[in-house]
Amino acid sequence: MNNNSTHVGSGSPGFTTALPQPVYTGTPRLKDLWLWMESQETTAISPAMFNEFFLPYMAEICCRFGLIYYGCCEPLHDRWDGLLKAVPNIRAASISPWCDMKLIAEKLGKERVFSRKPRPAPISGVTPDWEMLRKDVDDTLIAARDCNLEIVFRDVYRIKDDRPRLRKWVEMVRSQIG
């Protein structure tokens, strides 16, 4: 079974050798698949309320799947410990602009993918803010230096046909990574 043919979560390629599960017979089961779970709608409530009113129901679904890509635009740093305890099969986490990157990087370590989603505004305007884009990549590389990092640039719909701009961003990131 090829687990690499579709994207998971916020645009991650989902490459893994951990799926399908060892006793795979050729017919995919939920435990052979990725699931994307998120709760950006719950950002206005406290982590305690999230843990009581949402997490148990999300965990009940997540435990049926092989691996979880968790998150979208919500910050994870204030609820990560409870999430991981309830959903230990999280393999990748969406690190949005509202997440404390340094704190979450310490929690993710090498065990999970630090799936960084930069803010789209600096590249999507009439004139890209290259200095802000460069700083964001620098901050990401510093925070995620001990993590498995991927960068997923999403929500750039206004510039979907501006390939030179996107190419320039990719080249900038590659030069910063070295």
N, C-alpha and C. Protein backbone atom coordinates (compact mmCIF):
# COMPACT_ATOMS: atom_id res chain seq x y z
N MET A 1 0.85 -1.18 0.00
CA MET A 1 0.00 0.00 0.00
C MET A 1 0.90 1.24 0.00
N ASN A 2 0.61 2.18 -0.86
CA ASN A 2 1.39 3.40 -0.94
C ASN A 2 0.74 4.46 -0.07
N ASN A 3 1.43 4.88 0.98
CA ASN A 3 0.93 5.90 1.88
C ASN A 3 1.42 7.27 1.51
N ASN A 4 2.01 7.41 0.35
CA ASN A 4 2.65 8.67 0.00
C ASN A 4 1.98 9.35 -1.19
N SER A 5 0.83 8.89 -1.60
CA SER A 5 0.24 9.40 -2.82
C SER A 5 -0.70 10.59 -2.60
N THR A 6 -1.04 10.87 -1.36
CA THR A 6 -1.93 11.99 -1.10
C THR A 6 -1.37 12.84 0.03
N HIS A 7 -1.87 14.05 0.13
CA HIS A 7 -1.45 14.93 1.21
C HIS A 7 -2.29 14.65 2.45
N VAL A 8 -1.69 14.91 3.60
CA VAL A 8 -2.42 14.80 4.86
C VAL A 8 -2.38 16.15 5.55
N GLY A 9 -3.32 16.37 6.42
CA GLY A 9 -3.32 17.59 7.21
C GLY A 9 -3.35 18.84 6.38
N SER A 10 -2.49 19.77 6.73
CA SER A 10 -2.47 21.08 6.10
C SER A 10 -1.64 21.12 4.83
N GLY A 11 -1.36 19.98 4.25
CA GLY A 11 -0.62 19.94 3.01
C GLY A 11 0.65 19.13 3.08
N SER A 12 0.84 18.42 4.16
CA SER A 12 2.02 17.57 4.33
C SER A 12 1.94 16.38 3.39
N PRO A 13 3.09 15.93 2.85
CA PRO A 13 3.04 14.76 1.98
C PRO A 13 2.75 13.46 2.73
N GLY A 14 2.91 13.43 4.02
CA GLY A 14 2.54 12.25 4.80
C GLY A 14 3.43 11.05 4.57
N PHE A 15 4.67 11.26 4.16
CA PHE A 15 5.58 10.14 3.94
C PHE A 15 5.81 9.39 5.24
N THR A 16 5.67 8.09 5.21
CA THR A 16 5.90 7.28 6.41
C THR A 16 6.11 5.82 6.02
N THR A 17 6.88 5.15 6.84
CA THR A 17 7.00 3.70 6.71
C THR A 17 6.22 3.02 7.84
N ALA A 18 5.58 3.82 8.69
CA ALA A 18 4.83 3.29 9.83
C ALA A 18 3.44 2.80 9.43
N LEU A 19 3.03 3.11 8.23
CA LEU A 19 1.73 2.65 7.73
C LEU A 19 1.94 1.95 6.40
N PRO A 20 1.17 0.95 6.08
CA PRO A 20 0.09 0.37 6.88
C PRO A 20 0.64 -0.39 8.09
N GLN A 21 -0.27 -0.77 8.97
CA GLN A 21 0.09 -1.54 10.16
C GLN A 21 0.68 -2.88 9.76
N PRO A 22 1.45 -3.51 10.64
CA PRO A 22 2.16 -4.76 10.30
C PRO A 22 1.31 -5.89 9.73
N VAL A 23 0.09 -6.06 10.17
CA VAL A 23 -0.73 -7.18 9.70
C VAL A 23 -1.66 -6.71 8.57
N TYR A 24 -1.11 -5.99 7.63
CA TYR A 24 -1.88 -5.45 6.51
C TYR A 24 -2.16 -6.56 5.51
N THR A 25 -3.43 -6.69 5.09
CA THR A 25 -3.82 -7.77 4.19
C THR A 25 -4.13 -7.29 2.77
N GLY A 26 -3.97 -6.00 2.51
CA GLY A 26 -4.27 -5.47 1.19
C GLY A 26 -5.52 -4.62 1.14
N THR A 27 -6.37 -4.73 2.13
CA THR A 27 -7.57 -3.90 2.22
C THR A 27 -7.35 -2.88 3.32
N PRO A 28 -7.29 -1.60 2.99
CA PRO A 28 -7.02 -0.58 4.01
C PRO A 28 -8.08 -0.55 5.10
N ARG A 29 -7.61 -0.47 6.32
CA ARG A 29 -8.46 -0.27 7.49
C ARG A 29 -8.14 1.10 8.06
N LEU A 30 -8.95 1.61 8.94
CA LEU A 30 -8.68 2.92 9.52
C LEU A 30 -7.30 2.97 10.16
N LYS A 31 -6.89 1.90 10.82
CA LYS A 31 -5.59 1.91 11.48
C LYS A 31 -4.42 1.87 10.50
N ASP A 32 -4.70 1.76 9.22
CA ASP A 32 -3.67 1.80 8.18
C ASP A 32 -3.55 3.19 7.55
N LEU A 33 -4.34 4.14 8.04
CA LEU A 33 -4.45 5.43 7.38
C LEU A 33 -4.11 6.61 8.31
N TRP A 34 -3.79 7.73 7.67
CA TRP A 34 -3.65 9.00 8.37
C TRP A 34 -5.03 9.60 8.58
N LEU A 35 -5.16 10.42 9.63
CA LEU A 35 -6.35 11.24 9.85
C LEU A 35 -5.86 12.66 10.14
N TRP A 36 -6.54 13.63 9.58
CA TRP A 36 -6.28 15.02 9.91
C TRP A 36 -7.34 15.45 10.91
N MET A 37 -6.91 15.86 12.09
CA MET A 37 -7.82 16.34 13.13
C MET A 37 -7.37 17.74 13.54
N GLU A 38 -8.32 18.62 13.75
CA GLU A 38 -8.00 19.98 14.19
C GLU A 38 -9.15 20.53 15.00
N SER A 39 -8.90 21.64 15.67
CA SER A 39 -9.97 22.26 16.46
C SER A 39 -9.79 23.76 16.52
N GLN A 40 -9.53 24.37 15.38
CA GLN A 40 -9.31 25.81 15.39
C GLN A 40 -10.52 26.58 15.90
N GLU A 41 -11.66 25.97 15.85
CA GLU A 41 -12.86 26.63 16.36
C GLU A 41 -12.85 26.76 17.88
N THR A 42 -11.95 26.02 18.54
CA THR A 42 -11.93 26.03 20.01
C THR A 42 -10.87 26.97 20.58
N THR A 43 -10.27 27.80 19.76
CA THR A 43 -9.19 28.66 20.26
C THR A 43 -9.66 29.68 21.30
N ALA A 44 -10.92 30.00 21.31
CA ALA A 44 -11.42 31.01 22.25
C ALA A 44 -11.71 30.43 23.63
N ILE A 45 -11.59 29.12 23.79
CA ILE A 45 -11.84 28.53 25.11
C ILE A 45 -10.51 28.12 25.74
N SER A 46 -10.53 27.96 27.03
CA SER A 46 -9.31 27.62 27.77
C SER A 46 -8.87 26.19 27.47
N PRO A 47 -7.60 25.88 27.69
CA PRO A 47 -7.15 24.49 27.55
C PRO A 47 -7.94 23.54 28.45
N ALA A 48 -8.31 23.98 29.64
CA ALA A 48 -9.08 23.12 30.54
C ALA A 48 -10.46 22.79 29.94
N MET A 49 -11.12 23.79 29.38
CA MET A 49 -12.42 23.53 28.74
C MET A 49 -12.25 22.64 27.51
N PHE A 50 -11.20 22.89 26.73
CA PHE A 50 -10.91 22.05 25.57
C PHE A 50 -10.74 20.60 26.02
N ASN A 51 -9.94 20.39 27.08
CA ASN A 51 -9.69 19.04 27.56
C ASN A 51 -10.96 18.34 28.05
N GLU A 52 -11.86 19.11 28.62
CA GLU A 52 -13.09 18.51 29.16
C GLU A 52 -14.16 18.28 28.10
N PHE A 53 -14.37 19.28 27.23
CA PHE A 53 -15.52 19.23 26.34
C PHE A 53 -15.24 18.77 24.91
N PHE A 54 -13.99 18.82 24.47
CA PHE A 54 -13.70 18.44 23.08
C PHE A 54 -12.75 17.26 22.97
N LEU A 55 -11.68 17.31 23.72
CA LEU A 55 -10.62 16.32 23.56
C LEU A 55 -11.08 14.87 23.71
N PRO A 56 -11.92 14.52 24.66
CA PRO A 56 -12.32 13.11 24.76
C PRO A 56 -13.01 12.58 23.49
N TYR A 57 -13.80 13.42 22.86
CA TYR A 57 -14.52 13.00 21.66
C TYR A 57 -13.59 12.92 20.45
N MET A 58 -12.66 13.85 20.37
CA MET A 58 -11.67 13.81 19.29
C MET A 58 -10.77 12.59 19.46
N ALA A 59 -10.34 12.32 20.69
CA ALA A 59 -9.45 11.19 20.95
C ALA A 59 -10.13 9.87 20.61
N GLU A 60 -11.42 9.78 20.85
CA GLU A 60 -12.17 8.56 20.53
C GLU A 60 -12.10 8.25 19.04
N ILE A 61 -12.16 9.27 18.21
CA ILE A 61 -12.04 9.08 16.76
C ILE A 61 -10.59 8.81 16.38
N CYS A 62 -9.68 9.60 16.91
CA CYS A 62 -8.26 9.50 16.54
C CYS A 62 -7.67 8.12 16.84
N CYS A 63 -8.09 7.50 17.92
CA CYS A 63 -7.51 6.21 18.30
C CYS A 63 -7.81 5.11 17.29
N ARG A 64 -8.74 5.33 16.42
CA ARG A 64 -9.09 4.32 15.40
C ARG A 64 -8.15 4.35 14.20
N PHE A 65 -7.39 5.44 14.06
CA PHE A 65 -6.52 5.63 12.90
C PHE A 65 -5.08 5.31 13.25
N GLY A 66 -4.28 5.07 12.21
CA GLY A 66 -2.88 4.74 12.41
C GLY A 66 -2.06 5.92 12.89
N LEU A 67 -2.12 7.03 12.15
CA LEU A 67 -1.37 8.23 12.49
C LEU A 67 -2.26 9.45 12.36
N ILE A 68 -1.93 10.47 13.14
CA ILE A 68 -2.72 11.70 13.14
C ILE A 68 -1.84 12.87 12.77
N TYR A 69 -2.32 13.69 11.84
CA TYR A 69 -1.76 15.02 11.59
C TYR A 69 -2.70 15.95 12.33
N TYR A 70 -2.18 16.66 13.33
CA TYR A 70 -3.05 17.47 14.16
C TYR A 70 -2.81 18.96 13.95
N GLY A 71 -3.90 19.68 13.80
CA GLY A 71 -3.87 21.12 13.81
C GLY A 71 -4.12 21.77 12.48
N CYS A 72 -4.40 23.05 12.56
CA CYS A 72 -4.60 23.88 11.38
C CYS A 72 -4.08 25.26 11.74
N CYS A 73 -4.97 26.16 12.10
CA CYS A 73 -4.56 27.53 12.42
C CYS A 73 -4.57 27.82 13.91
N GLU A 74 -4.88 26.84 14.72
CA GLU A 74 -4.91 27.08 16.16
C GLU A 74 -3.51 26.96 16.77
N PRO A 75 -3.25 27.69 17.84
CA PRO A 75 -1.99 27.49 18.55
C PRO A 75 -2.08 26.17 19.33
N LEU A 76 -0.98 25.45 19.39
CA LEU A 76 -0.99 24.15 20.08
C LEU A 76 -0.22 24.16 21.38
N HIS A 77 0.62 25.15 21.57
CA HIS A 77 1.54 25.12 22.70
C HIS A 77 0.85 25.03 24.07
N ASP A 78 -0.35 25.59 24.20
CA ASP A 78 -1.02 25.60 25.50
C ASP A 78 -1.90 24.37 25.75
N ARG A 79 -2.05 23.51 24.76
CA ARG A 79 -2.86 22.30 24.95
C ARG A 79 -2.17 21.03 24.48
N TRP A 80 -0.91 21.16 24.12
CA TRP A 80 -0.19 20.02 23.55
C TRP A 80 -0.08 18.84 24.52
N ASP A 81 0.25 19.09 25.77
CA ASP A 81 0.45 17.99 26.70
C ASP A 81 -0.80 17.12 26.83
N GLY A 82 -1.96 17.77 26.97
CA GLY A 82 -3.21 17.03 27.05
C GLY A 82 -3.54 16.30 25.76
N LEU A 83 -3.27 16.97 24.63
CA LEU A 83 -3.49 16.34 23.33
C LEU A 83 -2.68 15.06 23.18
N LEU A 84 -1.41 15.16 23.48
CA LEU A 84 -0.54 14.00 23.29
C LEU A 84 -0.88 12.86 24.24
N LYS A 85 -1.28 13.20 25.43
CA LYS A 85 -1.68 12.16 26.38
C LYS A 85 -2.92 11.42 25.87
N ALA A 86 -3.87 12.15 25.33
CA ALA A 86 -5.12 11.55 24.85
C ALA A 86 -4.99 10.94 23.45
N VAL A 87 -4.06 11.49 22.65
CA VAL A 87 -3.90 11.05 21.26
C VAL A 87 -2.40 10.78 21.01
N PRO A 88 -1.90 9.67 21.53
CA PRO A 88 -0.45 9.40 21.41
C PRO A 88 0.03 9.12 20.00
N ASN A 89 -0.88 8.86 19.06
CA ASN A 89 -0.48 8.55 17.68
C ASN A 89 -0.38 9.80 16.79
N ILE A 90 -0.30 10.98 17.41
CA ILE A 90 -0.03 12.19 16.63
C ILE A 90 1.39 12.09 16.10
N ARG A 91 1.55 12.20 14.79
CA ARG A 91 2.88 12.11 14.18
C ARG A 91 3.34 13.45 13.61
N ALA A 92 2.39 14.34 13.30
CA ALA A 92 2.75 15.65 12.76
C ALA A 92 1.82 16.69 13.36
N ALA A 93 2.38 17.88 13.59
CA ALA A 93 1.59 18.96 14.19
C ALA A 93 1.74 20.22 13.37
N SER A 94 0.61 20.84 13.05
CA SER A 94 0.60 22.09 12.31
C SER A 94 0.98 23.23 13.25
N ILE A 95 2.06 23.91 12.91
CA ILE A 95 2.54 25.01 13.75
C ILE A 95 2.19 26.32 13.05
N SER A 96 1.10 26.91 13.50
CA SER A 96 0.55 28.12 12.89
C SER A 96 1.30 29.35 13.39
N PRO A 97 1.05 30.51 12.77
CA PRO A 97 1.67 31.75 13.23
C PRO A 97 1.28 32.13 14.66
N TRP A 98 0.24 31.55 15.21
CA TRP A 98 -0.23 31.89 16.54
C TRP A 98 0.33 30.96 17.61
N CYS A 99 1.20 30.06 17.20
CA CYS A 99 1.78 29.10 18.12
C CYS A 99 3.13 29.61 18.62
N ASP A 100 3.42 29.38 19.87
CA ASP A 100 4.73 29.69 20.43
C ASP A 100 5.70 28.63 19.90
N MET A 101 6.44 28.98 18.85
CA MET A 101 7.27 28.00 18.15
C MET A 101 8.34 27.40 19.05
N LYS A 102 8.96 28.22 19.86
CA LYS A 102 10.04 27.71 20.72
C LYS A 102 9.50 26.68 21.71
N LEU A 103 8.39 27.00 22.34
CA LEU A 103 7.80 26.11 23.32
C LEU A 103 7.33 24.80 22.69
N ILE A 104 6.64 24.89 21.57
CA ILE A 104 6.13 23.67 20.95
C ILE A 104 7.26 22.83 20.38
N ALA A 105 8.32 23.47 19.90
CA ALA A 105 9.46 22.72 19.37
C ALA A 105 10.09 21.85 20.46
N GLU A 106 10.18 22.39 21.67
CA GLU A 106 10.72 21.62 22.79
C GLU A 106 9.84 20.41 23.08
N LYS A 107 8.54 20.57 22.93
CA LYS A 107 7.61 19.48 23.21
C LYS A 107 7.59 18.43 22.09
N LEU A 108 7.76 18.88 20.83
CA LEU A 108 7.72 17.95 19.70
C LEU A 108 8.99 17.12 19.58
N GLY A 109 10.13 17.77 19.72
CA GLY A 109 11.40 17.07 19.55
C GLY A 109 11.50 16.38 18.21
N LYS A 110 12.18 15.27 18.16
CA LYS A 110 12.37 14.50 16.93
C LYS A 110 11.26 13.46 16.73
N GLU A 111 10.39 13.33 17.71
CA GLU A 111 9.35 12.30 17.66
C GLU A 111 8.25 12.59 16.63
N ARG A 112 8.03 13.88 16.39
CA ARG A 112 6.93 14.29 15.52
C ARG A 112 7.40 15.34 14.53
N VAL A 113 6.62 15.55 13.49
CA VAL A 113 6.96 16.52 12.47
C VAL A 113 6.46 17.90 12.90
N PHE A 114 7.35 18.87 12.86
CA PHE A 114 7.06 20.28 13.12
C PHE A 114 6.63 20.84 11.77
N SER A 115 5.34 20.87 11.51
CA SER A 115 4.80 21.26 10.20
C SER A 115 4.45 22.74 10.23
N ARG A 116 5.41 23.56 9.88
CA ARG A 116 5.28 25.02 9.99
C ARG A 116 4.43 25.60 8.88
N LYS A 117 3.46 26.41 9.27
CA LYS A 117 2.63 27.14 8.32
C LYS A 117 2.86 28.63 8.51
N PRO A 118 3.68 29.25 7.65
CA PRO A 118 3.93 30.69 7.78
C PRO A 118 2.67 31.51 7.48
N ARG A 119 2.65 32.73 7.99
CA ARG A 119 1.54 33.65 7.67
C ARG A 119 1.59 33.95 6.17
N PRO A 120 0.47 33.86 5.48
CA PRO A 120 0.47 34.12 4.04
C PRO A 120 0.48 35.61 3.67
N ALA A 121 0.09 36.49 4.59
CA ALA A 121 -0.04 37.92 4.26
C ALA A 121 1.23 38.54 3.69
N PRO A 122 2.42 38.29 4.25
CA PRO A 122 3.62 38.96 3.73
C PRO A 122 3.97 38.61 2.28
N ILE A 123 3.50 37.47 1.80
CA ILE A 123 3.80 37.12 0.41
C ILE A 123 2.62 37.39 -0.51
N SER A 124 1.44 37.57 0.07
CA SER A 124 0.22 37.66 -0.74
C SER A 124 -0.17 39.07 -1.12
N GLY A 125 0.44 40.07 -0.53
CA GLY A 125 0.08 41.44 -0.85
C GLY A 125 0.56 41.85 -2.23
N VAL A 126 0.25 43.07 -2.60
CA VAL A 126 0.68 43.60 -3.90
C VAL A 126 2.21 43.54 -4.00
N THR A 127 2.87 43.94 -2.91
CA THR A 127 4.33 43.89 -2.85
C THR A 127 4.73 42.98 -1.69
N PRO A 128 5.39 41.88 -1.97
CA PRO A 128 5.79 40.97 -0.89
C PRO A 128 6.75 41.66 0.09
N ASP A 129 6.62 41.32 1.35
CA ASP A 129 7.52 41.83 2.38
C ASP A 129 8.61 40.79 2.59
N TRP A 130 9.64 40.85 1.77
CA TRP A 130 10.70 39.84 1.78
C TRP A 130 11.46 39.84 3.10
N GLU A 131 11.61 40.98 3.72
CA GLU A 131 12.31 41.03 5.00
C GLU A 131 11.52 40.27 6.07
N MET A 132 10.22 40.47 6.11
CA MET A 132 9.38 39.76 7.08
C MET A 132 9.37 38.25 6.78
N LEU A 133 9.32 37.90 5.50
CA LEU A 133 9.34 36.49 5.12
C LEU A 133 10.67 35.84 5.53
N ARG A 134 11.76 36.54 5.30
CA ARG A 134 13.09 36.03 5.68
C ARG A 134 13.18 35.85 7.20
N LYS A 135 12.68 36.84 7.95
CA LYS A 135 12.71 36.75 9.41
C LYS A 135 11.88 35.57 9.90
N ASP A 136 10.72 35.35 9.30
CA ASP A 136 9.88 34.23 9.70
C ASP A 136 10.61 32.90 9.49
N VAL A 137 11.29 32.76 8.38
CA VAL A 137 12.05 31.52 8.12
C VAL A 137 13.19 31.39 9.13
N ASP A 138 13.89 32.48 9.40
CA ASP A 138 14.97 32.45 10.39
C ASP A 138 14.43 32.02 11.76
N ASP A 139 13.33 32.62 12.18
CA ASP A 139 12.73 32.28 13.48
C ASP A 139 12.32 30.81 13.51
N THR A 140 11.76 30.33 12.40
CA THR A 140 11.36 28.93 12.32
C THR A 140 12.55 28.00 12.42
N LEU A 141 13.60 28.30 11.67
CA LEU A 141 14.79 27.44 11.68
C LEU A 141 15.45 27.41 13.06
N ILE A 142 15.45 28.53 13.75
CA ILE A 142 16.02 28.57 15.10
C ILE A 142 15.16 27.74 16.06
N ALA A 143 13.85 27.97 16.03
CA ALA A 143 12.96 27.25 16.95
C ALA A 143 12.95 25.76 16.69
N ALA A 144 12.95 25.37 15.43
CA ALA A 144 12.79 23.95 15.05
C ALA A 144 14.12 23.25 14.78
N ARG A 145 15.22 23.80 15.26
CA ARG A 145 16.54 23.24 14.93
C ARG A 145 16.70 21.79 15.38
N ASP A 146 16.00 21.38 16.43
CA ASP A 146 16.11 20.00 16.91
C ASP A 146 14.87 19.17 16.57
N CYS A 147 14.15 19.61 15.56
CA CYS A 147 12.90 18.93 15.17
C CYS A 147 12.99 18.42 13.74
N ASN A 148 12.04 17.60 13.37
CA ASN A 148 11.83 17.22 11.98
C ASN A 148 10.92 18.28 11.38
N LEU A 149 11.50 19.15 10.59
CA LEU A 149 10.78 20.32 10.09
C LEU A 149 10.31 20.15 8.65
N GLU A 150 9.09 20.56 8.42
CA GLU A 150 8.60 20.78 7.06
C GLU A 150 7.91 22.13 7.08
N ILE A 151 7.96 22.82 5.93
CA ILE A 151 7.30 24.11 5.81
C ILE A 151 6.23 23.98 4.74
N VAL A 152 5.00 24.28 5.12
CA VAL A 152 3.86 24.18 4.22
C VAL A 152 3.28 25.57 4.06
N PHE A 153 3.47 26.17 2.89
CA PHE A 153 2.93 27.52 2.66
C PHE A 153 1.54 27.37 2.06
N ARG A 154 0.55 27.75 2.84
CA ARG A 154 -0.85 27.62 2.44
C ARG A 154 -1.52 28.97 2.34
N ASP A 155 -2.71 28.92 1.81
CA ASP A 155 -3.59 30.10 1.79
C ASP A 155 -2.97 31.26 1.03
N VAL A 156 -2.33 30.95 -0.07
CA VAL A 156 -1.73 31.97 -0.92
C VAL A 156 -2.52 32.05 -2.24
N TYR A 157 -3.81 32.00 -2.12
CA TYR A 157 -4.69 31.92 -3.29
C TYR A 157 -4.57 33.12 -4.22
N ARG A 158 -4.33 34.29 -3.66
CA ARG A 158 -4.25 35.50 -4.49
C ARG A 158 -3.06 35.45 -5.43
N ILE A 159 -2.05 34.66 -5.10
CA ILE A 159 -0.85 34.64 -5.94
C ILE A 159 -0.63 33.28 -6.58
N LYS A 160 -1.68 32.47 -6.68
CA LYS A 160 -1.52 31.12 -7.21
C LYS A 160 -0.94 31.11 -8.62
N ASP A 161 -1.13 32.17 -9.36
CA ASP A 161 -0.59 32.23 -10.72
C ASP A 161 0.73 33.00 -10.80
N ASP A 162 1.23 33.44 -9.65
CA ASP A 162 2.48 34.20 -9.61
C ASP A 162 3.63 33.27 -9.23
N ARG A 163 3.94 32.39 -10.16
CA ARG A 163 4.98 31.39 -9.90
C ARG A 163 6.36 32.01 -9.63
N PRO A 164 6.75 33.11 -10.30
CA PRO A 164 8.05 33.71 -9.98
C PRO A 164 8.16 34.14 -8.51
N ARG A 165 7.09 34.65 -7.96
CA ARG A 165 7.10 35.07 -6.55
C ARG A 165 7.27 33.85 -5.64
N LEU A 166 6.52 32.80 -5.93
CA LEU A 166 6.65 31.59 -5.12
C LEU A 166 8.02 30.95 -5.30
N ARG A 167 8.53 30.96 -6.52
CA ARG A 167 9.86 30.41 -6.78
C ARG A 167 10.91 31.19 -5.99
N LYS A 168 10.78 32.51 -5.95
CA LYS A 168 11.73 33.34 -5.21
C LYS A 168 11.68 32.99 -3.72
N TRP A 169 10.48 32.76 -3.18
CA TRP A 169 10.36 32.38 -1.78
C TRP A 169 11.05 31.03 -1.53
N VAL A 170 10.81 30.06 -2.38
CA VAL A 170 11.44 28.74 -2.23
C VAL A 170 12.96 28.88 -2.27
N GLU A 171 13.47 29.64 -3.22
CA GLU A 171 14.92 29.85 -3.31
C GLU A 171 15.46 30.53 -2.07
N MET A 172 14.71 31.50 -1.52
CA MET A 172 15.12 32.18 -0.30
C MET A 172 15.21 31.18 0.86
N VAL A 173 14.18 30.35 1.00
CA VAL A 173 14.16 29.36 2.08
C VAL A 173 15.32 28.38 1.92
N ARG A 174 15.53 27.90 0.72
CA ARG A 174 16.64 26.96 0.49
C ARG A 174 17.98 27.59 0.84
N SER A 175 18.16 28.85 0.51
CA SER A 175 19.44 29.50 0.83
C SER A 175 19.60 29.68 2.34
N GLN A 176 18.51 29.92 3.04
CA GLN A 176 18.57 30.07 4.50
C GLN A 176 18.84 28.74 5.18
N ILE A 177 18.31 27.67 4.62
CA ILE A 177 18.53 26.34 5.19
C ILE A 177 19.98 25.90 4.96
N GLY A 178 20.52 26.28 3.79
CA GLY A 178 21.90 25.93 3.47
C GLY A 178 21.96 24.68 2.72
